[in-house]
Amino acid sequence: MKGQLWRVRALARKELTQLLRDARTRAIIFAAPTIQLLLFGYAVRTDIPNTPFAVVDHDHSPESRALITAFTTTGYFRLVAAPTRSAGLAEALDDGHATVGLEIPPGFARDLARPGGATVQLLVDGTQSNTATVALGYANRIVGAFALAHASPGAVPGTIDLRSRAWFNPALESRLYNVPGVIALLILLMCLTLTALAVVREREFGTLDQLLVTPLETGELLLGKTLPVVLIAFVDLALIAAVAVAWFDIPFRGSVLVLLPTALLYIVTGIALGLLISSISRTQQEAFMTMFLFLLPSIILSGFFYPISSMPRPFQWITIVNPVRHFLLIVRAIFLKGEGLDGLWPQVGALALIGAGTMGAALWRLRQGDSGNG
């Protein structure tokens, strides 16, 4: 019995020493949970403050301005546009500059003082069904409280008729919001897995050194390894999109000629991230843990579950370098809005910069490793 305990203690000590002797493994074990806790604590919020909000005030009365102030002073809505025409409100929603639009008709103040009450229209972007549902709840409470405070003595309390309408997703079905987003997550996961683990496997088995002594340049070697991943990614994209449209009945209002080049840019960015992970990992286990450490924060900070506007300002800045955030906007706009490249250039430009920067860093790291091995 005493000998068994001694052997177990010796084995446990050996495993603990092996786990903690590597600085990178220690960082993953102890730093990763802390970082993820911070992300969940700050970025994961069920309330939605600072929702981009546009308003068209046709009445220009003290009452209409008071209603607008009632929306903006709650902290739930942030005024980003005040067009003078109804068409301007539609443009703000189409371009994605605003998530919620309020239109106050002429005669609002006059109707508010009458027993029949007044009517206002609220438009929400249904491509973000979670945000739209919560925003509608906020708007109903704000309008109800405003109507109760401004009702005329002879009127029934709550005499503002709020007529809401969701664009691009009239029923606010969550599947129309979630399924296109899942496409982005699955493509990234596949690119990271196939690229990062494949290159590290070559290094771990010793076959990478054999390839490096061939006449192939580093760029040619990586191109030969990543081209199959690109082809597989496009096949997966076609399969996933077909299932989304045929099985889940997700509308595809855009063009395949817009989806394919933007998807290629996203796939290349995912491959570049996989190469970067492989360049800093020595074993498949380390690559897998590093990939997981990157993947979870990228999902949290993408706006897939929680709107970016509800995150603290530093986290909103971090999301700018998150490729998932930009492709989520692209794929949802193509599927649900039928958006063209002219309306997606900010996201396309961001993906191009992220992909180029990441690919450059990955190639530099791999060349440094090659020269070090040589």
Protein backbone atom coordinates (compact mmCIF):
# COMPACT_ATOMS: atom_id res chain seq x y z
CA MET A 1 0.00 0.00 0.00
CA LYS A 2 2.80 2.38 0.94
CA GLY A 3 4.59 1.57 -2.31
CA GLN A 4 1.49 2.31 -4.38
CA LEU A 5 1.06 5.69 -2.71
CA TRP A 6 4.71 6.48 -3.38
CA ARG A 7 4.37 5.60 -7.06
CA VAL A 8 1.17 7.65 -7.41
CA ARG A 9 2.85 10.62 -5.71
CA ALA A 10 5.89 10.32 -7.96
CA LEU A 11 3.75 10.11 -11.08
CA ALA A 12 1.63 13.09 -9.99
CA ARG A 13 4.75 15.14 -9.29
CA LYS A 14 6.17 14.25 -12.70
CA GLU A 15 2.96 15.22 -14.51
CA LEU A 16 2.69 18.49 -12.57
CA THR A 17 6.31 19.34 -13.34
CA GLN A 18 5.79 18.54 -17.02
CA LEU A 19 2.71 20.75 -17.19
CA LEU A 20 4.22 23.73 -15.39
CA ARG A 21 7.76 23.72 -16.73
CA ASP A 22 6.74 25.35 -20.03
CA ALA A 23 5.99 29.08 -19.79
CA ARG A 24 3.49 28.95 -22.65
CA THR A 25 1.54 26.13 -21.04
CA ARG A 26 1.48 28.02 -17.74
CA ALA A 27 0.15 31.09 -19.52
CA ILE A 28 -2.61 29.06 -21.18
CA ILE A 29 -3.57 27.31 -17.94
CA PHE A 30 -3.64 30.35 -15.70
CA ALA A 31 -4.08 33.38 -17.97
CA ALA A 32 -6.76 31.96 -20.28
CA PRO A 33 -9.45 31.50 -17.59
CA THR A 34 -8.78 35.02 -16.31
CA ILE A 35 -9.05 36.55 -19.77
CA GLN A 36 -12.23 34.61 -20.54
CA LEU A 37 -13.76 35.63 -17.21
CA LEU A 38 -13.09 39.28 -18.07
CA LEU A 39 -14.64 38.80 -21.50
CA PHE A 40 -17.75 37.14 -20.10
CA GLY A 41 -18.03 39.64 -17.29
CA TYR A 42 -17.82 42.74 -19.47
CA ALA A 43 -18.92 41.69 -22.95
CA VAL A 44 -21.76 39.29 -22.11
CA ARG A 45 -24.68 41.49 -21.13
CA THR A 46 -28.38 40.85 -21.55
CA ASP A 47 -29.28 44.53 -21.49
CA ILE A 48 -28.65 46.50 -24.67
CA PRO A 49 -27.59 50.11 -24.10
CA ASN A 50 -26.56 52.61 -26.77
CA THR A 51 -28.58 51.03 -29.58
CA PRO A 52 -28.03 53.21 -32.72
CA PHE A 53 -31.20 55.22 -33.15
CA ALA A 54 -32.46 57.48 -35.97
CA VAL A 55 -35.51 59.72 -35.86
CA VAL A 56 -37.57 61.74 -38.33
CA ASP A 57 -39.57 64.46 -36.61
CA HIS A 58 -42.27 65.81 -38.90
CA ASP A 59 -44.01 67.68 -36.09
CA HIS A 60 -41.16 69.81 -34.67
CA SER A 61 -43.14 70.53 -31.52
CA PRO A 62 -42.03 70.62 -27.87
CA GLU A 63 -43.91 67.36 -27.36
CA SER A 64 -42.14 65.59 -30.22
CA ARG A 65 -38.75 66.80 -28.99
CA ALA A 66 -39.68 65.61 -25.49
CA LEU A 67 -40.44 62.14 -26.87
CA ILE A 68 -37.06 62.02 -28.60
CA THR A 69 -35.39 63.12 -25.37
CA ALA A 70 -37.27 60.37 -23.51
CA PHE A 71 -35.64 57.83 -25.82
CA THR A 72 -32.09 59.20 -25.64
CA THR A 73 -31.93 59.93 -21.90
CA THR A 74 -32.65 56.33 -20.90
CA GLY A 75 -29.21 55.17 -22.06
CA TYR A 76 -30.79 52.43 -24.18
CA PHE A 77 -30.78 54.47 -27.39
CA ARG A 78 -28.04 56.61 -28.94
CA LEU A 79 -29.14 59.17 -31.53
CA VAL A 80 -26.97 58.78 -34.64
CA ALA A 81 -29.08 60.42 -37.33
CA ALA A 82 -31.98 62.84 -37.62
CA PRO A 83 -32.96 62.96 -41.32
CA THR A 84 -35.68 65.30 -42.48
CA ARG A 85 -37.34 62.80 -44.82
CA SER A 86 -38.81 59.34 -44.34
CA ALA A 87 -36.47 58.08 -47.05
CA GLY A 88 -33.51 59.11 -44.91
CA LEU A 89 -34.75 56.85 -42.13
CA ALA A 90 -34.97 53.93 -44.55
CA GLU A 91 -31.43 54.62 -45.77
CA ALA A 92 -30.08 54.63 -42.20
CA LEU A 93 -31.61 51.20 -41.58
CA ASP A 94 -30.51 49.81 -44.96
CA ASP A 95 -26.91 50.97 -44.49
CA GLY A 96 -26.77 49.57 -40.96
CA HIS A 97 -26.01 52.97 -39.41
CA ALA A 98 -29.13 52.67 -37.26
CA THR A 99 -30.80 49.65 -35.69
CA VAL A 100 -33.97 51.46 -34.63
CA GLY A 101 -35.85 54.25 -36.42
CA LEU A 102 -38.63 56.43 -35.02
CA GLU A 103 -40.97 58.47 -37.21
CA ILE A 104 -43.13 61.13 -35.58
CA PRO A 105 -45.95 62.27 -37.91
CA PRO A 106 -47.19 65.84 -38.37
CA GLY A 107 -49.79 66.85 -35.80
CA PHE A 108 -48.32 64.63 -33.08
CA ALA A 109 -48.68 67.29 -30.36
CA ARG A 110 -52.25 68.12 -31.48
CA ASP A 111 -53.31 64.47 -31.50
CA LEU A 112 -51.64 63.85 -28.15
CA ALA A 113 -53.99 66.37 -26.54
CA ARG A 114 -57.07 64.71 -28.02
CA PRO A 115 -58.94 61.78 -26.47
CA GLY A 116 -58.08 59.56 -29.42
CA GLY A 117 -54.34 59.95 -28.80
CA ALA A 118 -51.36 60.13 -31.19
CA THR A 119 -49.58 57.61 -33.39
CA VAL A 120 -45.85 57.09 -33.95
CA GLN A 121 -44.03 54.48 -36.01
CA LEU A 122 -41.02 52.47 -34.87
CA LEU A 123 -38.86 50.60 -37.39
CA VAL A 124 -36.28 48.04 -36.30
CA ASP A 125 -33.60 46.12 -38.18
CA GLY A 126 -34.82 42.53 -38.03
CA THR A 127 -31.49 41.05 -39.11
CA GLN A 128 -30.50 41.43 -35.45
CA SER A 129 -33.53 39.73 -33.98
CA ASN A 130 -32.29 39.64 -30.38
CA THR A 131 -31.47 43.33 -30.38
CA ALA A 132 -34.73 44.16 -32.17
CA THR A 133 -36.84 42.25 -29.65
CA VAL A 134 -35.19 43.92 -26.66
CA ALA A 135 -35.31 47.35 -28.34
CA LEU A 136 -39.03 46.95 -28.98
CA GLY A 137 -39.54 46.21 -25.30
CA TYR A 138 -37.59 49.32 -24.33
CA ALA A 139 -39.53 51.45 -26.81
CA ASN A 140 -42.89 50.22 -25.57
CA ARG A 141 -41.99 51.10 -21.99
CA ILE A 142 -40.63 54.54 -22.95
CA VAL A 143 -43.67 55.42 -25.07
CA GLY A 144 -46.05 54.12 -22.42
CA ALA A 145 -44.43 56.22 -19.70
CA PHE A 146 -44.34 59.28 -21.96
CA ALA A 147 -48.01 58.89 -22.87
CA LEU A 148 -48.97 58.53 -19.23
CA ALA A 149 -47.07 61.70 -18.31
CA HIS A 150 -48.40 63.79 -21.22
CA ALA A 151 -51.98 62.58 -21.50
CA SER A 152 -54.62 65.30 -21.52
CA PRO A 153 -57.03 65.50 -18.55
CA GLY A 154 -59.89 64.01 -20.56
CA ALA A 155 -57.87 61.34 -22.29
CA VAL A 156 -57.30 57.76 -21.32
CA PRO A 157 -53.73 57.17 -20.04
CA GLY A 158 -51.38 55.61 -22.54
CA THR A 159 -52.81 57.37 -25.59
CA ILE A 160 -49.83 56.94 -27.96
CA ASP A 161 -50.30 54.18 -30.50
CA LEU A 162 -46.84 52.73 -31.17
CA ARG A 163 -46.89 50.90 -34.47
CA SER A 164 -43.72 48.84 -34.81
CA ARG A 165 -42.41 47.06 -37.87
CA ALA A 166 -39.34 44.85 -38.28
CA TRP A 167 -37.50 45.10 -41.57
CA PHE A 168 -35.75 42.16 -43.28
CA ASN A 169 -37.14 39.77 -40.63
CA PRO A 170 -40.78 40.75 -39.99
CA ALA A 171 -41.50 37.93 -37.51
CA LEU A 172 -38.17 38.46 -35.68
CA GLU A 173 -37.40 34.75 -36.03
CA SER A 174 -34.14 33.92 -34.29
CA ARG A 175 -33.15 31.31 -36.88
CA LEU A 176 -32.94 34.00 -39.58
CA TYR A 177 -30.46 35.78 -37.33
CA ASN A 178 -28.53 32.79 -36.01
CA VAL A 179 -28.12 30.47 -38.99
CA PRO A 180 -26.16 32.91 -41.22
CA GLY A 181 -23.97 33.64 -38.22
CA VAL A 182 -23.31 29.95 -37.68
CA ILE A 183 -21.97 29.79 -41.25
CA ALA A 184 -19.24 32.27 -40.30
CA LEU A 185 -18.32 30.37 -37.14
CA LEU A 186 -18.14 26.96 -38.84
CA ILE A 187 -15.98 28.23 -41.69
CA LEU A 188 -13.53 29.83 -39.26
CA LEU A 189 -13.38 26.71 -37.08
CA MET A 190 -12.67 24.53 -40.09
CA CYS A 191 -9.95 26.85 -41.43
CA LEU A 192 -8.22 27.08 -38.05
CA THR A 193 -8.36 23.33 -37.44
CA LEU A 194 -7.15 22.19 -40.84
CA THR A 195 -4.37 24.77 -41.08
CA ALA A 196 -3.01 25.02 -37.54
CA LEU A 197 -3.05 21.33 -36.69
CA ALA A 198 -1.80 20.19 -40.12
CA VAL A 199 1.34 22.34 -40.06
CA VAL A 200 2.11 21.52 -36.42
CA ARG A 201 1.61 17.81 -37.14
CA GLU A 202 4.32 18.02 -39.79
CA ARG A 203 6.66 19.68 -37.30
CA GLU A 204 5.81 17.23 -34.53
CA PHE A 205 6.41 14.15 -36.72
CA GLY A 206 9.62 15.60 -38.15
CA THR A 207 8.38 15.66 -41.75
CA LEU A 208 8.40 19.47 -41.87
CA ASP A 209 12.20 19.49 -41.73
CA GLN A 210 12.28 17.08 -44.66
CA LEU A 211 10.05 19.41 -46.67
CA LEU A 212 12.18 22.42 -45.79
CA VAL A 213 15.32 20.90 -47.34
CA THR A 214 13.57 20.50 -50.69
CA PRO A 215 13.88 23.24 -53.34
CA LEU A 216 10.45 24.58 -52.30
CA GLU A 217 10.41 28.12 -50.91
CA THR A 218 8.51 28.79 -47.68
CA GLY A 219 5.77 30.61 -49.57
CA GLU A 220 5.42 27.78 -52.07
CA LEU A 221 5.25 25.23 -49.29
CA LEU A 222 2.52 27.13 -47.48
CA LEU A 223 0.60 27.74 -50.69
CA GLY A 224 0.61 24.03 -51.45
CA LYS A 225 -0.66 23.29 -47.96
CA THR A 226 -3.34 26.00 -47.85
CA LEU A 227 -4.88 25.67 -51.32
CA PRO A 228 -6.63 22.39 -50.39
CA VAL A 229 -8.02 24.12 -47.31
CA VAL A 230 -9.45 26.90 -49.49
CA LEU A 231 -11.14 24.34 -51.76
CA ILE A 232 -12.55 22.41 -48.80
CA ALA A 233 -13.77 25.65 -47.22
CA PHE A 234 -15.68 26.59 -50.39
CA VAL A 235 -17.25 23.14 -50.54
CA ASP A 236 -18.29 23.45 -46.90
CA LEU A 237 -19.62 26.94 -47.57
CA ALA A 238 -21.76 25.65 -50.44
CA LEU A 239 -23.08 22.76 -48.35
CA ILE A 240 -23.84 24.90 -45.29
CA ALA A 241 -25.50 27.62 -47.36
CA ALA A 242 -27.61 25.03 -49.20
CA VAL A 243 -28.77 23.51 -45.92
CA ALA A 244 -29.52 26.98 -44.53
CA VAL A 245 -31.69 27.87 -47.52
CA ALA A 246 -33.32 24.49 -48.22
CA TRP A 247 -33.75 23.11 -44.71
CA PHE A 248 -34.00 26.16 -42.44
CA ASP A 249 -35.75 28.27 -45.09
CA ILE A 250 -33.31 31.16 -44.72
CA PRO A 251 -33.92 33.71 -47.48
CA PHE A 252 -31.00 34.40 -49.80
CA ARG A 253 -31.72 37.86 -51.19
CA GLY A 254 -28.20 38.69 -52.30
CA SER A 255 -25.91 37.52 -55.07
CA VAL A 256 -23.56 34.56 -55.17
CA LEU A 257 -21.09 36.84 -56.99
CA VAL A 258 -20.96 38.97 -53.83
CA LEU A 259 -20.82 36.07 -51.37
CA LEU A 260 -17.96 34.20 -53.05
CA PRO A 261 -15.25 36.93 -53.08
CA THR A 262 -16.09 38.09 -49.56
CA ALA A 263 -16.06 34.48 -48.35
CA LEU A 264 -12.68 33.96 -50.04
CA LEU A 265 -11.29 36.95 -48.16
CA TYR A 266 -12.65 35.55 -44.89
CA ILE A 267 -11.28 32.06 -45.60
CA VAL A 268 -7.81 33.43 -46.38
CA THR A 269 -7.94 35.41 -43.13
CA GLY A 270 -8.90 32.25 -41.22
CA ILE A 271 -6.04 30.34 -42.85
CA ALA A 272 -3.64 33.14 -41.94
CA LEU A 273 -4.76 32.90 -38.31
CA GLY A 274 -4.23 29.14 -38.42
CA LEU A 275 -0.72 29.62 -39.81
CA LEU A 276 0.06 32.16 -37.11
CA ILE A 277 -1.12 29.73 -34.42
CA SER A 278 0.99 26.97 -35.96
CA SER A 279 4.04 29.22 -36.03
CA ILE A 280 3.94 29.75 -32.26
CA SER A 281 3.01 26.15 -31.35
CA ARG A 282 5.35 23.20 -31.09
CA THR A 283 2.83 20.39 -30.54
CA GLN A 284 -0.71 19.62 -31.70
CA GLN A 285 -1.96 19.86 -28.13
CA GLU A 286 -0.48 23.33 -27.75
CA ALA A 287 -1.92 24.40 -31.12
CA PHE A 288 -5.37 23.11 -30.16
CA MET A 289 -5.31 24.95 -26.82
CA THR A 290 -4.12 28.16 -28.49
CA MET A 291 -6.82 27.83 -31.14
CA PHE A 292 -9.48 27.39 -28.47
CA LEU A 293 -8.09 30.37 -26.57
CA PHE A 294 -8.54 32.49 -29.71
CA LEU A 295 -11.85 31.02 -30.90
CA LEU A 296 -13.97 31.60 -27.80
CA PRO A 297 -13.13 35.31 -27.40
CA SER A 298 -13.57 35.86 -31.14
CA ILE A 299 -17.12 34.49 -30.89
CA ILE A 300 -17.95 36.50 -27.77
CA LEU A 301 -16.59 39.71 -29.30
CA SER A 302 -18.21 39.20 -32.71
CA GLY A 303 -21.72 40.37 -31.89
CA PHE A 304 -23.11 36.88 -32.52
CA PHE A 305 -24.79 36.54 -29.14
CA TYR A 306 -24.60 40.05 -27.72
CA PRO A 307 -24.55 43.40 -29.54
CA ILE A 308 -21.21 45.14 -29.70
CA SER A 309 -22.85 48.43 -28.71
CA SER A 310 -23.57 46.98 -25.24
CA MET A 311 -19.87 46.26 -24.58
CA PRO A 312 -17.53 48.71 -22.85
CA ARG A 313 -15.69 51.02 -25.21
CA PRO A 314 -12.28 49.25 -24.97
CA PHE A 315 -13.90 45.95 -25.95
CA GLN A 316 -15.64 47.65 -28.88
CA TRP A 317 -12.20 48.77 -30.12
CA ILE A 318 -10.88 45.21 -29.78
CA THR A 319 -13.71 43.91 -31.99
CA ILE A 320 -12.37 45.98 -34.89
CA VAL A 321 -9.56 43.44 -35.38
CA ASN A 322 -11.91 40.47 -35.05
CA PRO A 323 -12.59 38.99 -38.52
CA VAL A 324 -15.70 37.16 -37.28
CA ARG A 325 -17.40 40.47 -36.48
CA HIS A 326 -16.96 41.76 -40.03
CA PHE A 327 -17.97 38.55 -41.82
CA LEU A 328 -21.06 38.21 -39.61
CA LEU A 329 -22.21 41.61 -40.87
CA ILE A 330 -21.37 40.61 -44.44
CA VAL A 331 -23.14 37.24 -44.49
CA ARG A 332 -26.27 38.53 -42.73
CA ALA A 333 -26.47 41.54 -45.04
CA ILE A 334 -26.13 39.33 -48.14
CA PHE A 335 -28.66 36.73 -46.99
CA LEU A 336 -31.31 38.95 -45.38
CA LYS A 337 -30.86 42.38 -47.01
CA GLY A 338 -29.54 41.47 -50.46
CA GLU A 339 -26.66 43.89 -49.94
CA GLY A 340 -24.08 44.42 -52.67
CA LEU A 341 -20.37 45.10 -52.48
CA ASP A 342 -20.96 48.86 -52.54
CA GLY A 343 -22.66 48.64 -49.14
CA LEU A 344 -20.12 46.22 -47.64
CA TRP A 345 -16.85 48.00 -48.38
CA PRO A 346 -16.08 48.90 -44.71
CA GLN A 347 -16.28 45.24 -43.67
CA VAL A 348 -14.46 44.04 -46.80
CA GLY A 349 -11.69 46.58 -46.24
CA ALA A 350 -11.35 45.57 -42.60
CA LEU A 351 -11.11 41.88 -43.54
CA ALA A 352 -8.47 42.65 -46.16
CA LEU A 353 -6.33 44.57 -43.67
CA ILE A 354 -6.71 41.89 -40.96
CA GLY A 355 -5.91 39.10 -43.41
CA ALA A 356 -2.87 40.87 -44.87
CA GLY A 357 -1.49 41.76 -41.45
CA THR A 358 -2.04 38.27 -40.04
CA MET A 359 -0.57 36.55 -43.10
CA GLY A 360 2.49 38.79 -42.96
CA ALA A 361 3.00 38.01 -39.27
CA ALA A 362 2.55 34.27 -39.87
CA LEU A 363 5.06 34.19 -42.75
CA TRP A 364 7.57 36.18 -40.72
CA ARG A 365 7.22 33.82 -37.76
CA LEU A 366 7.56 30.73 -39.95
CA ARG A 367 10.64 32.11 -41.71
CA GLN A 368 12.16 32.95 -38.34
CA GLY A 369 11.51 29.39 -37.23
CA ASP A 370 13.04 28.01 -40.44
CA SER A 371 16.17 30.11 -40.08
CA GLY A 372 16.42 29.09 -36.45
CA ASN A 373 16.18 25.44 -37.41
CA GLY A 374 18.77 25.94 -40.07
